[in-house]
Amino acid sequence: MVPTLSHGDLPPDPQIMRTVASRHRIPVLDLGRLSCVGVYLDVVEPGAVRIGDAVTRVDG
């Protein structure tokens, strides 16, 4: 629910979560299609991630 809170000079916007709930749903385990927003990733090599480490984006 973080987008519904104000951040610095940005006002709160509860409409963001309403839009996600109505338009973006993905299958989650055996729970059905749920509204989700965020960053999704796969760990391809275990280990610590530190500031300055290289990150590669792969669309899939």
Protein backbone atom coordinates (compact mmCIF):
# COMPACT_ATOMS: atom_id res chain seq x y z
CA MET A 1 0.00 0.00 0.00
CA VAL A 2 3.05 2.27 -0.15
CA PRO A 3 1.78 4.17 -3.25
CA THR A 4 -1.21 5.30 -1.20
CA LEU A 5 1.10 7.23 1.16
CA SER A 6 2.70 10.60 0.47
CA HIS A 7 6.42 10.63 -0.35
CA GLY A 8 8.26 13.92 -0.04
CA ASP A 9 6.51 16.40 -2.33
CA LEU A 10 4.33 13.68 -3.92
CA PRO A 11 0.80 13.49 -2.52
CA PRO A 12 -0.84 10.16 -1.65
CA ASP A 13 -2.65 8.50 -4.55
CA PRO A 14 -5.00 5.63 -3.59
CA GLN A 15 -6.14 5.41 -7.23
CA ILE A 16 -2.86 3.63 -8.10
CA MET A 17 -3.83 0.52 -6.14
CA ARG A 18 -7.38 0.63 -7.49
CA THR A 19 -6.02 0.68 -11.04
CA VAL A 20 -3.66 -2.24 -10.34
CA ALA A 21 -6.48 -4.23 -8.72
CA SER A 22 -8.76 -3.73 -11.70
CA ARG A 23 -6.25 -4.16 -14.55
CA HIS A 24 -3.24 -6.25 -13.53
CA ARG A 25 -3.71 -9.73 -12.16
CA ILE A 26 -1.26 -12.62 -12.21
CA PRO A 27 -1.58 -16.26 -11.13
CA VAL A 28 -0.25 -16.78 -7.59
CA LEU A 29 0.31 -20.40 -6.56
CA ASP A 30 -3.11 -22.01 -6.09
CA LEU A 31 -4.75 -18.76 -4.94
CA GLY A 32 -5.99 -17.74 -8.38
CA ARG A 33 -5.28 -14.49 -10.22
CA LEU A 34 -4.41 -11.75 -7.72
CA SER A 35 -3.66 -8.07 -8.23
CA CYS A 36 0.08 -7.52 -8.00
CA VAL A 37 2.51 -4.71 -8.64
CA GLY A 38 6.23 -4.74 -8.05
CA VAL A 39 9.49 -6.10 -9.29
CA TYR A 40 9.70 -9.79 -10.05
CA LEU A 41 13.00 -11.60 -10.36
CA ASP A 42 14.76 -14.94 -10.37
CA VAL A 43 17.95 -15.50 -8.40
CA VAL A 44 20.42 -16.96 -10.89
CA GLU A 45 23.45 -16.86 -8.61
CA PRO A 46 23.17 -16.79 -4.81
CA GLY A 47 25.09 -14.17 -2.87
CA ALA A 48 25.00 -10.67 -1.43
CA VAL A 49 24.00 -7.67 -3.55
CA ARG A 50 25.81 -4.47 -2.70
CA ILE A 51 25.57 -0.85 -3.84
CA GLY A 52 27.52 -0.52 -7.07
CA ASP A 53 27.05 -4.17 -8.16
CA ALA A 54 26.10 -4.66 -11.80
CA VAL A 55 22.49 -5.65 -12.52
CA THR A 56 21.28 -7.00 -15.85
CA ARG A 57 17.66 -6.69 -16.94
CA VAL A 58 16.34 -9.51 -19.09
CA ASP A 59 12.78 -9.20 -20.41
CA GLY A 60 10.98 -12.47 -20.38
